Amino acid sequence: MIIVLFFDARGIVHHEFVPQGQTVNQEVYTSVLGRMREALRRRRPDLWASGQWTLLNDNARPHTALSVSRFLTKHNVTVLPHPPYSPHLPPCDFFLFPRMKKRLKGRRHENIEAIQAAATMELTGIPKEAFTSCFQDLQKRWQQCIDCGELLRRGQEALVVRLNFVFFTDSVSELYGQRMYNHSTPVNCTAKSHFMRRMSSRKPRVIRD
């Protein structure tokens, strides 16, 4: 069972279940976005009228497909960029889906329709305060990534000088170094922190001419 849903700090805006056997490709997602906009118009008339709302997707292929981007551009939908390799940032992944799994765990259902009914009941039963807290948590997670990125930048400036004459014997550290010390390769801030800890604890061996 696949569920596609959209929510904000007030609650669920739109949700629908993908027909059994159907995959979510760019065509399916584009049609879902059309229904989401209609639901937004009905349930959030203030946001619809002002246009002061932003769509946050992760970087799954259907979300970033060219046809989807064209649809969003055509309808003047502002999209908030999602950092690559950051599975801890999407609100669905750290808030909504874990909450639903916890509430539905251990239950037995006769068929798909019963599962969908139970999932819908759990969604509609989530209080507004929980959604508000979710977005407050999201802001904290963003700030942690910003702070982590600043720490990495400072460490990079220091290592640029050191790596001219220091060789780290751990090949894994070398591999991480090649991937992470590249401005064009954004990485998960948790991995960055792990890398910085490893680099700071590693004993360097000086290569002498």
N, C-alpha and C. Protein backbone atom coordinates (compact mmCIF):
# COMPACT_ATOMS: atom_id res chain seq x y z
N MET A 1 0.83 -1.19 0.00
CA MET A 1 0.00 0.00 0.00
C MET A 1 0.87 1.25 0.00
N ILE A 2 0.59 2.17 -0.89
CA ILE A 2 1.33 3.43 -0.98
C ILE A 2 0.36 4.58 -0.72
N ILE A 3 0.76 5.47 0.16
CA ILE A 3 -0.04 6.65 0.45
C ILE A 3 0.77 7.89 0.09
N VAL A 4 0.14 8.83 -0.57
CA VAL A 4 0.76 10.12 -0.89
C VAL A 4 -0.01 11.17 -0.12
N LEU A 5 0.70 11.98 0.66
CA LEU A 5 -0.02 12.97 1.46
C LEU A 5 0.77 14.27 1.57
N PHE A 6 0.03 15.32 1.87
CA PHE A 6 0.59 16.66 2.03
C PHE A 6 0.01 17.25 3.31
N PHE A 7 0.86 17.87 4.10
CA PHE A 7 0.38 18.48 5.34
C PHE A 7 1.19 19.72 5.66
N ASP A 8 0.64 20.54 6.53
CA ASP A 8 1.32 21.75 6.99
C ASP A 8 1.22 21.80 8.51
N ALA A 9 1.50 22.95 9.10
CA ALA A 9 1.51 23.09 10.55
C ALA A 9 0.12 23.00 11.16
N ARG A 10 -0.94 23.01 10.31
CA ARG A 10 -2.31 22.91 10.82
C ARG A 10 -2.85 21.50 10.74
N GLY A 11 -2.27 20.68 9.87
CA GLY A 11 -2.77 19.32 9.73
C GLY A 11 -2.69 18.83 8.29
N ILE A 12 -3.41 17.76 8.00
CA ILE A 12 -3.40 17.15 6.68
C ILE A 12 -4.14 18.05 5.68
N VAL A 13 -3.49 18.31 4.56
CA VAL A 13 -4.11 19.08 3.48
C VAL A 13 -4.75 18.14 2.46
N HIS A 14 -4.03 17.09 2.08
CA HIS A 14 -4.54 16.15 1.09
C HIS A 14 -3.83 14.81 1.25
N HIS A 15 -4.57 13.74 1.08
CA HIS A 15 -3.94 12.41 1.04
C HIS A 15 -4.75 11.51 0.12
N GLU A 16 -4.06 10.58 -0.48
CA GLU A 16 -4.72 9.60 -1.33
C GLU A 16 -3.88 8.33 -1.41
N PHE A 17 -4.54 7.23 -1.64
CA PHE A 17 -3.87 5.94 -1.74
C PHE A 17 -3.66 5.60 -3.21
N VAL A 18 -2.47 5.17 -3.53
CA VAL A 18 -2.16 4.78 -4.90
C VAL A 18 -2.79 3.42 -5.17
N PRO A 19 -3.46 3.25 -6.30
CA PRO A 19 -4.06 1.95 -6.62
C PRO A 19 -3.04 0.82 -6.55
N GLN A 20 -3.50 -0.32 -6.08
CA GLN A 20 -2.61 -1.47 -5.91
C GLN A 20 -1.97 -1.86 -7.24
N GLY A 21 -0.65 -2.02 -7.23
CA GLY A 21 0.08 -2.37 -8.44
C GLY A 21 0.59 -1.17 -9.22
N GLN A 22 0.15 0.03 -8.84
CA GLN A 22 0.57 1.25 -9.53
C GLN A 22 1.83 1.81 -8.86
N THR A 23 2.80 2.20 -9.67
CA THR A 23 3.99 2.87 -9.14
C THR A 23 3.80 4.38 -9.25
N VAL A 24 4.49 5.11 -8.40
CA VAL A 24 4.39 6.56 -8.42
C VAL A 24 5.48 7.09 -9.35
N ASN A 25 5.13 7.32 -10.60
CA ASN A 25 6.06 7.91 -11.56
C ASN A 25 5.71 9.39 -11.73
N GLN A 26 6.38 10.04 -12.65
CA GLN A 26 6.17 11.48 -12.79
C GLN A 26 4.76 11.83 -13.26
N GLU A 27 4.17 10.98 -14.10
CA GLU A 27 2.81 11.26 -14.55
C GLU A 27 1.82 11.15 -13.39
N VAL A 28 1.97 10.10 -12.59
CA VAL A 28 1.08 9.92 -11.45
C VAL A 28 1.25 11.06 -10.46
N TYR A 29 2.50 11.44 -10.20
CA TYR A 29 2.74 12.48 -9.21
C TYR A 29 2.22 13.84 -9.68
N THR A 30 2.32 14.09 -10.97
CA THR A 30 1.79 15.35 -11.51
C THR A 30 0.28 15.43 -11.30
N SER A 31 -0.40 14.32 -11.54
CA SER A 31 -1.86 14.32 -11.34
C SER A 31 -2.20 14.46 -9.86
N VAL A 32 -1.38 13.87 -8.98
CA VAL A 32 -1.60 14.03 -7.53
C VAL A 32 -1.43 15.49 -7.13
N LEU A 33 -0.42 16.15 -7.68
CA LEU A 33 -0.19 17.57 -7.37
C LEU A 33 -1.40 18.43 -7.78
N GLY A 34 -2.02 18.08 -8.90
CA GLY A 34 -3.21 18.80 -9.32
C GLY A 34 -4.33 18.67 -8.30
N ARG A 35 -4.54 17.47 -7.78
CA ARG A 35 -5.57 17.26 -6.76
C ARG A 35 -5.19 17.91 -5.43
N MET A 36 -3.88 17.93 -5.14
CA MET A 36 -3.44 18.60 -3.92
C MET A 36 -3.74 20.09 -3.98
N ARG A 37 -3.52 20.72 -5.14
CA ARG A 37 -3.79 22.15 -5.28
C ARG A 37 -5.28 22.44 -5.08
N GLU A 38 -6.11 21.58 -5.58
CA GLU A 38 -7.55 21.76 -5.40
C GLU A 38 -7.93 21.62 -3.91
N ALA A 39 -7.31 20.64 -3.24
CA ALA A 39 -7.57 20.46 -1.80
C ALA A 39 -7.08 21.67 -1.01
N LEU A 40 -5.93 22.21 -1.42
CA LEU A 40 -5.41 23.40 -0.76
C LEU A 40 -6.36 24.58 -0.93
N ARG A 41 -6.92 24.72 -2.11
CA ARG A 41 -7.85 25.82 -2.38
C ARG A 41 -9.07 25.72 -1.47
N ARG A 42 -9.53 24.49 -1.22
CA ARG A 42 -10.72 24.31 -0.39
C ARG A 42 -10.41 24.39 1.11
N ARG A 43 -9.30 23.82 1.53
CA ARG A 43 -9.02 23.70 2.96
C ARG A 43 -8.16 24.83 3.52
N ARG A 44 -7.41 25.49 2.67
CA ARG A 44 -6.58 26.61 3.12
C ARG A 44 -6.81 27.81 2.20
N PRO A 45 -8.03 28.34 2.19
CA PRO A 45 -8.34 29.45 1.26
C PRO A 45 -7.46 30.67 1.49
N ASP A 46 -7.01 30.88 2.71
CA ASP A 46 -6.15 32.03 2.97
C ASP A 46 -4.79 31.88 2.29
N LEU A 47 -4.23 30.67 2.37
CA LEU A 47 -2.95 30.42 1.70
C LEU A 47 -3.12 30.43 0.18
N TRP A 48 -4.21 29.88 -0.28
CA TRP A 48 -4.47 29.86 -1.72
C TRP A 48 -4.58 31.27 -2.28
N ALA A 49 -5.27 32.13 -1.55
CA ALA A 49 -5.48 33.50 -2.02
C ALA A 49 -4.19 34.31 -2.00
N SER A 50 -3.38 34.10 -0.96
CA SER A 50 -2.15 34.89 -0.82
C SER A 50 -0.98 34.31 -1.60
N GLY A 51 -1.05 33.00 -1.86
CA GLY A 51 0.08 32.35 -2.53
C GLY A 51 1.28 32.16 -1.63
N GLN A 52 1.12 32.42 -0.33
CA GLN A 52 2.22 32.34 0.62
C GLN A 52 2.36 30.93 1.19
N TRP A 53 2.65 29.98 0.32
CA TRP A 53 2.91 28.62 0.77
C TRP A 53 4.02 28.03 -0.09
N THR A 54 4.72 27.08 0.47
CA THR A 54 5.89 26.49 -0.18
C THR A 54 5.79 24.98 -0.12
N LEU A 55 6.17 24.33 -1.20
CA LEU A 55 6.14 22.87 -1.27
C LEU A 55 7.52 22.31 -0.94
N LEU A 56 7.56 21.38 0.01
CA LEU A 56 8.81 20.71 0.38
C LEU A 56 8.72 19.25 -0.04
N ASN A 57 9.49 18.90 -1.07
CA ASN A 57 9.61 17.51 -1.52
C ASN A 57 10.96 16.97 -1.09
N ASP A 58 11.10 15.65 -1.07
CA ASP A 58 12.45 15.10 -1.03
C ASP A 58 12.93 14.96 -2.47
N ASN A 59 14.06 14.31 -2.68
CA ASN A 59 14.65 14.26 -4.02
C ASN A 59 14.38 12.96 -4.76
N ALA A 60 13.26 12.32 -4.45
CA ALA A 60 12.87 11.13 -5.21
C ALA A 60 12.66 11.52 -6.67
N ARG A 61 12.94 10.61 -7.57
CA ARG A 61 12.90 10.92 -9.00
C ARG A 61 11.56 11.50 -9.48
N PRO A 62 10.42 10.94 -9.04
CA PRO A 62 9.16 11.55 -9.50
C PRO A 62 9.00 13.00 -9.06
N HIS A 63 9.60 13.36 -7.92
CA HIS A 63 9.47 14.72 -7.41
C HIS A 63 10.31 15.73 -8.19
N THR A 64 11.40 15.25 -8.78
CA THR A 64 12.33 16.15 -9.46
C THR A 64 12.30 16.01 -10.97
N ALA A 65 11.36 15.22 -11.49
CA ALA A 65 11.26 15.01 -12.94
C ALA A 65 10.95 16.32 -13.66
N LEU A 66 11.37 16.41 -14.90
CA LEU A 66 11.20 17.63 -15.68
C LEU A 66 9.73 18.01 -15.83
N SER A 67 8.87 17.02 -16.09
CA SER A 67 7.45 17.32 -16.27
C SER A 67 6.83 17.86 -14.99
N VAL A 68 7.29 17.35 -13.84
CA VAL A 68 6.79 17.84 -12.55
C VAL A 68 7.26 19.27 -12.32
N SER A 69 8.54 19.53 -12.63
CA SER A 69 9.07 20.89 -12.47
C SER A 69 8.32 21.88 -13.35
N ARG A 70 7.99 21.45 -14.57
CA ARG A 70 7.24 22.33 -15.47
C ARG A 70 5.84 22.61 -14.93
N PHE A 71 5.21 21.59 -14.37
CA PHE A 71 3.88 21.76 -13.79
C PHE A 71 3.92 22.76 -12.65
N LEU A 72 4.90 22.62 -11.76
CA LEU A 72 5.02 23.52 -10.61
C LEU A 72 5.32 24.95 -11.05
N THR A 73 6.17 25.07 -12.06
CA THR A 73 6.50 26.40 -12.58
C THR A 73 5.27 27.05 -13.22
N LYS A 74 4.53 26.26 -13.98
CA LYS A 74 3.32 26.77 -14.65
C LYS A 74 2.33 27.34 -13.66
N HIS A 75 2.23 26.69 -12.49
CA HIS A 75 1.25 27.11 -11.49
C HIS A 75 1.87 27.95 -10.37
N ASN A 76 3.08 28.44 -10.61
CA ASN A 76 3.75 29.35 -9.68
C ASN A 76 3.87 28.78 -8.27
N VAL A 77 4.20 27.50 -8.19
CA VAL A 77 4.39 26.85 -6.90
C VAL A 77 5.85 26.99 -6.49
N THR A 78 6.10 27.57 -5.35
CA THR A 78 7.46 27.72 -4.84
C THR A 78 7.88 26.41 -4.18
N VAL A 79 9.03 25.90 -4.58
CA VAL A 79 9.54 24.63 -4.05
C VAL A 79 10.76 24.91 -3.18
N LEU A 80 10.75 24.39 -1.99
CA LEU A 80 11.89 24.53 -1.09
C LEU A 80 12.90 23.44 -1.40
N PRO A 81 14.13 23.78 -1.81
CA PRO A 81 15.12 22.75 -2.15
C PRO A 81 15.42 21.86 -0.95
N HIS A 82 15.56 20.58 -1.23
CA HIS A 82 15.88 19.61 -0.18
C HIS A 82 17.33 19.16 -0.33
N PRO A 83 18.15 19.27 0.71
CA PRO A 83 19.57 18.87 0.60
C PRO A 83 19.69 17.38 0.28
N PRO A 84 20.54 17.01 -0.67
CA PRO A 84 20.75 15.59 -0.96
C PRO A 84 21.31 14.85 0.25
N TYR A 85 21.06 13.55 0.31
CA TYR A 85 21.61 12.68 1.36
C TYR A 85 21.22 13.15 2.76
N SER A 86 19.99 13.61 2.91
CA SER A 86 19.52 14.10 4.20
C SER A 86 18.18 13.46 4.57
N PRO A 87 18.18 12.15 4.84
CA PRO A 87 16.91 11.47 5.13
C PRO A 87 16.31 11.85 6.47
N HIS A 88 17.06 12.58 7.30
CA HIS A 88 16.54 12.98 8.61
C HIS A 88 15.76 14.29 8.54
N LEU A 89 15.66 14.90 7.36
CA LEU A 89 15.00 16.21 7.24
C LEU A 89 13.54 16.16 6.81
N PRO A 90 13.10 15.23 5.94
CA PRO A 90 11.69 15.26 5.54
C PRO A 90 10.76 15.02 6.72
N PRO A 91 9.77 15.89 6.95
CA PRO A 91 8.84 15.70 8.08
C PRO A 91 8.10 14.37 8.05
N CYS A 92 7.83 13.85 6.86
CA CYS A 92 7.17 12.55 6.79
C CYS A 92 8.02 11.46 7.42
N ASP A 93 9.34 11.55 7.25
CA ASP A 93 10.23 10.50 7.70
C ASP A 93 10.55 10.57 9.19
N PHE A 94 10.61 11.77 9.75
CA PHE A 94 10.94 11.84 11.17
C PHE A 94 9.71 12.06 12.06
N PHE A 95 8.56 12.36 11.45
CA PHE A 95 7.36 12.60 12.27
C PHE A 95 6.18 11.72 11.88
N LEU A 96 5.68 11.89 10.67
CA LEU A 96 4.38 11.32 10.34
C LEU A 96 4.40 9.80 10.20
N PHE A 97 5.28 9.28 9.35
CA PHE A 97 5.29 7.84 9.12
C PHE A 97 5.66 7.04 10.37
N PRO A 98 6.69 7.45 11.14
CA PRO A 98 6.97 6.72 12.39
C PRO A 98 5.78 6.72 13.35
N ARG A 99 5.06 7.84 13.39
CA ARG A 99 3.90 7.92 14.28
C ARG A 99 2.81 6.95 13.82
N MET A 100 2.55 6.93 12.52
CA MET A 100 1.52 6.03 12.00
C MET A 100 1.91 4.56 12.19
N LYS A 101 3.17 4.24 11.94
CA LYS A 101 3.63 2.85 12.11
C LYS A 101 3.47 2.39 13.55
N LYS A 102 3.78 3.29 14.48
CA LYS A 102 3.67 2.93 15.89
C LYS A 102 2.23 2.65 16.28
N ARG A 103 1.30 3.45 15.75
CA ARG A 103 -0.11 3.28 16.11
C ARG A 103 -0.73 2.07 15.42
N LEU A 104 -0.26 1.74 14.23
CA LEU A 104 -0.85 0.63 13.46
C LEU A 104 -0.15 -0.70 13.70
N LYS A 105 0.99 -0.67 14.36
CA LYS A 105 1.78 -1.88 14.57
C LYS A 105 0.99 -2.92 15.38
N GLY A 106 1.03 -4.16 14.90
CA GLY A 106 0.40 -5.26 15.62
C GLY A 106 -1.06 -5.49 15.28
N ARG A 107 -1.66 -4.62 14.51
CA ARG A 107 -3.06 -4.79 14.14
C ARG A 107 -3.19 -5.73 12.94
N ARG A 108 -4.30 -6.44 12.89
CA ARG A 108 -4.59 -7.31 11.75
C ARG A 108 -5.80 -6.77 11.01
N HIS A 109 -5.70 -6.80 9.68
CA HIS A 109 -6.78 -6.28 8.85
C HIS A 109 -7.14 -7.31 7.79
N GLU A 110 -8.40 -7.32 7.44
CA GLU A 110 -8.90 -8.33 6.51
C GLU A 110 -8.47 -8.07 5.08
N ASN A 111 -8.35 -6.80 4.70
CA ASN A 111 -8.04 -6.48 3.31
C ASN A 111 -7.41 -5.09 3.22
N ILE A 112 -7.07 -4.69 2.00
CA ILE A 112 -6.44 -3.39 1.77
C ILE A 112 -7.36 -2.25 2.19
N GLU A 113 -8.65 -2.39 1.92
CA GLU A 113 -9.59 -1.33 2.26
C GLU A 113 -9.61 -1.09 3.76
N ALA A 114 -9.51 -2.16 4.55
CA ALA A 114 -9.49 -2.01 6.00
C ALA A 114 -8.22 -1.31 6.47
N ILE A 115 -7.11 -1.62 5.82
CA ILE A 115 -5.85 -0.95 6.16
C ILE A 115 -5.94 0.54 5.85
N GLN A 116 -6.49 0.85 4.68
CA GLN A 116 -6.63 2.26 4.28
C GLN A 116 -7.55 3.01 5.24
N ALA A 117 -8.61 2.37 5.68
CA ALA A 117 -9.53 3.01 6.61
C ALA A 117 -8.85 3.27 7.95
N ALA A 118 -8.06 2.31 8.42
CA ALA A 118 -7.36 2.48 9.69
C ALA A 118 -6.31 3.59 9.58
N ALA A 119 -5.59 3.62 8.45
CA ALA A 119 -4.57 4.66 8.26
C ALA A 119 -5.21 6.05 8.19
N THR A 120 -6.35 6.15 7.50
CA THR A 120 -7.04 7.43 7.41
C THR A 120 -7.52 7.89 8.77
N MET A 121 -8.01 6.96 9.59
CA MET A 121 -8.47 7.31 10.92
C MET A 121 -7.32 7.84 11.77
N GLU A 122 -6.15 7.21 11.66
CA GLU A 122 -5.00 7.67 12.42
C GLU A 122 -4.55 9.06 11.95
N LEU A 123 -4.58 9.28 10.65
CA LEU A 123 -4.18 10.59 10.12
C LEU A 123 -5.09 11.70 10.62
N THR A 124 -6.39 11.47 10.53
CA THR A 124 -7.34 12.51 10.94
C THR A 124 -7.36 12.69 12.45
N GLY A 125 -6.82 11.72 13.19
CA GLY A 125 -6.82 11.82 14.65
C GLY A 125 -5.60 12.53 15.22
N ILE A 126 -4.64 12.89 14.38
CA ILE A 126 -3.44 13.58 14.87
C ILE A 126 -3.81 15.02 15.21
N PRO A 127 -3.53 15.48 16.43
CA PRO A 127 -3.92 16.85 16.80
C PRO A 127 -3.07 17.90 16.09
N LYS A 128 -3.64 19.08 15.98
CA LYS A 128 -2.96 20.19 15.33
C LYS A 128 -1.64 20.51 16.01
N GLU A 129 -1.62 20.39 17.34
CA GLU A 129 -0.40 20.72 18.10
C GLU A 129 0.77 19.84 17.68
N ALA A 130 0.49 18.59 17.30
CA ALA A 130 1.55 17.68 16.87
C ALA A 130 2.17 18.15 15.56
N PHE A 131 1.33 18.62 14.64
CA PHE A 131 1.85 19.14 13.36
C PHE A 131 2.66 20.42 13.59
N THR A 132 2.17 21.28 14.46
CA THR A 132 2.91 22.50 14.77
C THR A 132 4.27 22.17 15.36
N SER A 133 4.31 21.22 16.28
CA SER A 133 5.57 20.80 16.89
C SER A 133 6.51 20.19 15.86
N CYS A 134 5.95 19.48 14.88
CA CYS A 134 6.75 18.88 13.82
C CYS A 134 7.53 19.95 13.06
N PHE A 135 6.86 21.03 12.70
CA PHE A 135 7.54 22.07 11.91
C PHE A 135 8.51 22.88 12.76
N GLN A 136 8.26 22.96 14.04
CA GLN A 136 9.25 23.58 14.94
C GLN A 136 10.50 22.71 15.00
N ASP A 137 10.29 21.40 15.05
CA ASP A 137 11.42 20.47 15.04
C ASP A 137 12.18 20.55 13.72
N LEU A 138 11.45 20.73 12.62
CA LEU A 138 12.09 20.85 11.31
C LEU A 138 13.02 22.06 11.27
N GLN A 139 12.61 23.17 11.83
CA GLN A 139 13.45 24.35 11.87
C GLN A 139 14.73 24.10 12.67
N LYS A 140 14.61 23.36 13.76
CA LYS A 140 15.79 23.02 14.56
C LYS A 140 16.75 22.14 13.76
N ARG A 141 16.20 21.19 13.01
CA ARG A 141 17.03 20.30 12.21
C ARG A 141 17.74 21.09 11.10
N TRP A 142 17.05 22.03 10.51
CA TRP A 142 17.70 22.89 9.50
C TRP A 142 18.88 23.64 10.11
N GLN A 143 18.65 24.20 11.29
CA GLN A 143 19.70 24.97 11.94
C GLN A 143 20.90 24.10 12.29
N GLN A 144 20.65 22.87 12.70
CA GLN A 144 21.74 21.94 13.00
C GLN A 144 22.58 21.66 11.76
N CYS A 145 21.92 21.52 10.61
CA CYS A 145 22.65 21.29 9.35
C CYS A 145 23.45 22.52 8.96
N ILE A 146 22.88 23.71 9.19
CA ILE A 146 23.61 24.94 8.88
C ILE A 146 24.84 25.04 9.77
N ASP A 147 24.67 24.77 11.06
CA ASP A 147 25.79 24.84 11.99
C ASP A 147 26.85 23.81 11.64
N CYS A 148 26.40 22.61 11.27
CA CYS A 148 27.34 21.55 10.91
C CYS A 148 28.11 21.90 9.65
N GLY A 149 27.42 22.53 8.69
CA GLY A 149 28.09 22.93 7.46
C GLY A 149 29.15 23.98 7.72
N GLU A 150 28.89 24.90 8.65
CA GLU A 150 29.87 25.92 9.00
C GLU A 150 31.09 25.28 9.66
N LEU A 151 30.84 24.28 10.53
CA LEU A 151 31.95 23.57 11.16
C LEU A 151 32.80 22.86 10.13
N LEU A 152 32.17 22.23 9.14
CA LEU A 152 32.90 21.54 8.10
C LEU A 152 33.71 22.51 7.26
N ARG A 153 33.13 23.68 6.96
CA ARG A 153 33.85 24.67 6.16
C ARG A 153 35.12 25.12 6.87
N ARG A 154 35.03 25.36 8.17
CA ARG A 154 36.21 25.77 8.92
C ARG A 154 37.25 24.66 8.96
N GLY A 155 36.77 23.43 9.14
CA GLY A 155 37.70 22.31 9.15
C GLY A 155 38.37 22.12 7.82
N GLN A 156 37.63 22.37 6.74
CA GLN A 156 38.19 22.24 5.41
C GLN A 156 39.30 23.25 5.19
N GLU A 157 39.09 24.48 5.63
CA GLU A 157 40.12 25.50 5.46
C GLU A 157 41.40 25.11 6.17
N ALA A 158 41.27 24.47 7.35
CA ALA A 158 42.45 24.05 8.09
C ALA A 158 43.13 22.87 7.43
N LEU A 159 42.32 21.93 6.88
CA LEU A 159 42.88 20.73 6.31
C LEU A 159 43.54 20.97 4.96
N VAL A 160 43.08 22.00 4.26
CA VAL A 160 43.70 22.30 2.98
C VAL A 160 45.19 22.53 3.16
N VAL A 161 45.56 23.18 4.24
CA VAL A 161 46.97 23.43 4.52
C VAL A 161 47.66 22.15 4.99
N ARG A 162 47.01 21.41 5.86
CA ARG A 162 47.64 20.24 6.46
C ARG A 162 47.84 19.12 5.45
N LEU A 163 46.91 18.96 4.53
CA LEU A 163 46.98 17.83 3.63
C LEU A 163 48.13 17.96 2.63
N ASN A 164 48.78 19.10 2.60
CA ASN A 164 49.95 19.25 1.74
C ASN A 164 51.11 18.40 2.23
N PHE A 165 51.12 18.09 3.51
CA PHE A 165 52.25 17.33 4.02
C PHE A 165 51.84 16.23 5.00
N VAL A 166 50.55 15.97 5.14
CA VAL A 166 50.08 14.94 6.04
C VAL A 166 49.34 13.88 5.25
N PHE A 167 49.60 12.64 5.58
CA PHE A 167 48.94 11.52 4.92
C PHE A 167 48.21 10.71 5.98
N PHE A 168 46.89 10.50 5.80
CA PHE A 168 46.12 9.72 6.74
C PHE A 168 46.16 8.26 6.29
N THR A 169 46.62 7.40 7.19
CA THR A 169 46.87 6.02 6.82
C THR A 169 45.59 5.22 6.62
N ASP A 170 44.47 5.67 7.16
CA ASP A 170 43.21 4.96 7.02
C ASP A 170 42.62 5.22 5.65
N SER A 171 42.51 4.17 4.84
CA SER A 171 42.01 4.35 3.48
C SER A 171 40.56 4.80 3.48
N VAL A 172 39.79 4.41 4.53
CA VAL A 172 38.40 4.85 4.61
C VAL A 172 38.34 6.35 4.80
N SER A 173 39.23 6.89 5.62
CA SER A 173 39.27 8.33 5.81
C SER A 173 39.61 9.04 4.51
N GLU A 174 40.50 8.44 3.73
CA GLU A 174 40.85 9.04 2.44
C GLU A 174 39.64 9.06 1.52
N LEU A 175 38.87 7.96 1.55
CA LEU A 175 37.69 7.89 0.70
C LEU A 175 36.67 8.94 1.13
N TYR A 176 36.45 9.05 2.44
CA TYR A 176 35.54 10.08 2.93
C TYR A 176 36.04 11.46 2.54
N GLY A 177 37.35 11.64 2.63
CA GLY A 177 37.91 12.95 2.31
C GLY A 177 37.66 13.34 0.87
N GLN A 178 37.80 12.38 -0.02
CA GLN A 178 37.58 12.67 -1.44
C GLN A 178 36.13 13.05 -1.70
N ARG A 179 35.22 12.41 -0.97
CA ARG A 179 33.80 12.68 -1.21
C ARG A 179 33.35 13.95 -0.52
N MET A 180 33.84 14.18 0.68
CA MET A 180 33.25 15.25 1.48
C MET A 180 33.90 16.60 1.26
N TYR A 181 35.16 16.59 0.90
CA TYR A 181 35.81 17.88 0.70
C TYR A 181 35.75 18.27 -0.76
N ASN A 182 34.53 18.37 -1.20
CA ASN A 182 34.23 18.74 -2.57
C ASN A 182 33.01 19.64 -2.52
N HIS A 183 33.17 20.91 -2.86
CA HIS A 183 32.08 21.87 -2.74
C HIS A 183 30.87 21.46 -3.55
N SER A 184 31.05 20.69 -4.60
CA SER A 184 29.94 20.34 -5.47
C SER A 184 29.24 19.08 -5.02
N THR A 185 29.65 18.48 -3.91
CA THR A 185 29.04 17.23 -3.45
C THR A 185 28.43 17.44 -2.07
N PRO A 186 27.15 17.89 -1.97
CA PRO A 186 26.52 18.03 -0.66
C PRO A 186 26.35 16.66 -0.02
N VAL A 187 26.53 16.57 1.28
CA VAL A 187 26.39 15.30 1.97
C VAL A 187 25.58 15.50 3.24
N ASN A 188 25.16 14.40 3.79
CA ASN A 188 24.40 14.41 5.02
C ASN A 188 25.23 14.99 6.14
N CYS A 189 24.63 15.91 6.93
CA CYS A 189 25.41 16.57 7.96
C CYS A 189 25.80 15.61 9.07
N THR A 190 25.02 14.52 9.26
CA THR A 190 25.41 13.51 10.24
C THR A 190 26.69 12.83 9.81
N ALA A 191 26.79 12.53 8.51
CA ALA A 191 28.02 11.92 7.99
C ALA A 191 29.18 12.89 8.10
N LYS A 192 28.91 14.19 7.89
CA LYS A 192 29.96 15.18 8.03
C LYS A 192 30.51 15.19 9.44
N SER A 193 29.63 15.17 10.43
CA SER A 193 30.07 15.19 11.81
C SER A 193 30.89 13.95 12.12
N HIS A 194 30.44 12.80 11.61
CA HIS A 194 31.17 11.55 11.82
C HIS A 194 32.56 11.64 11.22
N PHE A 195 32.62 12.20 10.02
CA PHE A 195 33.92 12.34 9.34
C PHE A 195 34.85 13.26 10.11
N MET A 196 34.33 14.38 10.60
CA MET A 196 35.15 15.32 11.34
C MET A 196 35.69 14.70 12.61
N ARG A 197 34.86 13.88 13.28
CA ARG A 197 35.35 13.22 14.50
C ARG A 197 36.45 12.24 14.17
N ARG A 198 36.30 11.50 13.07
CA ARG A 198 37.32 10.54 12.69
C ARG A 198 38.62 11.23 12.31
N MET A 199 38.49 12.32 11.59
CA MET A 199 39.68 13.03 11.16
C MET A 199 40.42 13.65 12.34
N SER A 200 39.67 14.16 13.32
CA SER A 200 40.32 14.80 14.46
C SER A 200 40.99 13.80 15.38
N SER A 201 40.48 12.54 15.39
CA SER A 201 41.06 11.53 16.26
C SER A 201 42.15 10.72 15.58
N ARG A 202 42.29 10.84 14.27
CA ARG A 202 43.27 10.05 13.53
C ARG A 202 44.67 10.63 13.71
N LYS A 203 45.63 9.79 13.99
CA LYS A 203 47.00 10.23 14.13
C LYS A 203 47.65 10.33 12.74
N PRO A 204 48.09 11.50 12.36
CA PRO A 204 48.69 11.65 11.04
C PRO A 204 50.14 11.16 10.98
N ARG A 205 50.54 10.75 9.81
CA ARG A 205 51.93 10.38 9.60
C ARG A 205 52.52 11.39 8.62
N VAL A 206 53.56 12.08 9.04
CA VAL A 206 54.16 13.11 8.21
C VAL A 206 55.05 12.48 7.15
N ILE A 207 54.85 12.90 5.92
CA ILE A 207 55.66 12.43 4.82
C ILE A 207 56.82 13.39 4.63
N ARG A 208 57.99 12.91 4.79
CA ARG A 208 59.17 13.76 4.68
C ARG A 208 59.81 13.58 3.31
N ASP A 209 60.27 14.68 2.78
CA ASP A 209 60.91 14.64 1.47
C ASP A 209 62.27 13.95 1.57
